[in-house]
Amino acid sequence: MHDRLAFVHTRQPAMLTRAEGRRWVNREEDPERLCAEYLRSRVPVKLSVIFVSTYVSNSRNEGPRCIEPIGRTTEIDVEV
């Protein structure tokens, strides 16, 4: 988990830029090299974190309330 994302969740998905995504699905790339490059804790793109209520945590709930912001947006810059 990247320390700048720890407040969001204890797990972090692999985050790829568009170019990295194209490399990831390219069968000619070396899978071991790609894993070493991309499957680590990092922030390769600028992120906007928008907090929503726990209403979204129930899979039976649907509609606009699931994405209604409840706080201010937090920006997380690309790591250099």
Protein backbone atom coordinates (compact mmCIF):
# COMPACT_ATOMS: atom_id res chain seq x y z
CA MET A 1 0.00 0.00 0.00
CA HIS A 2 1.33 3.40 -0.94
CA ASP A 3 1.52 5.70 2.10
CA ARG A 4 -0.38 8.49 0.27
CA LEU A 5 -3.31 6.10 -0.32
CA ALA A 6 -3.43 4.39 3.08
CA PHE A 7 -6.34 6.59 4.21
CA VAL A 8 -8.50 5.21 1.37
CA HIS A 9 -8.16 1.47 1.94
CA THR A 10 -5.72 -1.20 3.07
CA ARG A 11 -5.57 -2.70 -0.44
CA GLN A 12 -4.41 -0.98 -3.59
CA PRO A 13 -5.11 -2.00 -7.17
CA ALA A 14 -2.38 -2.00 -9.78
CA MET A 15 -2.61 1.43 -11.40
CA LEU A 16 -1.41 1.80 -14.97
CA THR A 17 -1.21 4.72 -17.34
CA ARG A 18 -2.74 4.19 -20.80
CA ALA A 19 0.69 3.44 -22.29
CA GLU A 20 1.44 0.98 -19.48
CA GLY A 21 -1.93 -0.70 -20.02
CA ARG A 22 -1.08 -1.21 -23.69
CA ARG A 23 2.24 -2.78 -22.68
CA TRP A 24 0.48 -4.96 -20.09
CA VAL A 25 -1.75 -6.61 -22.72
CA ASN A 26 0.99 -6.87 -25.36
CA ARG A 27 1.87 -10.57 -25.65
CA GLU A 28 5.36 -9.70 -26.88
CA GLU A 29 6.30 -8.07 -23.55
CA ASP A 30 8.13 -10.05 -20.87
CA PRO A 31 5.58 -10.79 -18.10
CA GLU A 32 8.21 -10.97 -15.35
CA ARG A 33 9.61 -7.58 -16.30
CA LEU A 34 6.12 -6.03 -16.43
CA CYS A 35 5.25 -7.43 -13.00
CA ALA A 36 8.48 -6.06 -11.54
CA GLU A 37 7.76 -2.63 -13.04
CA TYR A 38 4.02 -2.31 -12.42
CA LEU A 39 2.98 -4.53 -9.50
CA ARG A 40 4.38 -2.37 -6.76
CA SER A 41 2.94 0.35 -4.62
CA ARG A 42 3.00 3.54 -6.69
CA VAL A 43 0.96 6.50 -7.93
CA PRO A 44 1.64 6.76 -11.69
CA VAL A 45 -1.21 9.18 -12.46
CA LYS A 46 -2.76 12.16 -10.67
CA LEU A 47 -5.75 11.02 -8.60
CA SER A 48 -8.80 12.81 -7.24
CA VAL A 49 -10.27 11.17 -4.14
CA ILE A 50 -13.95 11.99 -3.68
CA PHE A 51 -15.41 10.79 -0.39
CA VAL A 52 -18.89 9.22 -0.46
CA SER A 53 -21.10 7.91 2.33
CA THR A 54 -21.19 4.34 3.58
CA TYR A 55 -24.53 4.08 1.75
CA VAL A 56 -22.48 2.83 -1.20
CA SER A 57 -21.17 -0.10 0.90
CA ASN A 58 -24.48 -1.97 0.60
CA SER A 59 -24.67 -3.73 -2.79
CA ARG A 60 -28.48 -3.38 -2.77
CA ASN A 61 -28.24 0.40 -2.87
CA GLU A 62 -28.30 2.05 -6.29
CA GLY A 63 -28.68 5.48 -7.81
CA PRO A 64 -27.08 8.90 -7.57
CA ARG A 65 -26.80 8.79 -3.79
CA CYS A 66 -24.01 6.21 -4.20
CA ILE A 67 -21.74 8.81 -5.82
CA GLU A 68 -22.87 11.91 -3.93
CA PRO A 69 -19.80 13.63 -2.44
CA ILE A 70 -19.84 14.13 1.34
CA GLY A 71 -16.59 16.04 1.73
CA ARG A 72 -14.04 17.98 -0.19
CA THR A 73 -12.00 16.36 -2.95
CA THR A 74 -8.43 15.39 -2.13
CA GLU A 75 -5.83 15.57 -4.90
CA ILE A 76 -2.93 13.13 -4.96
CA ASP A 77 -0.14 14.08 -7.34
CA VAL A 78 1.94 11.72 -9.41
CA GLU A 79 5.03 10.52 -7.60
CA VAL A 80 8.25 11.69 -9.16
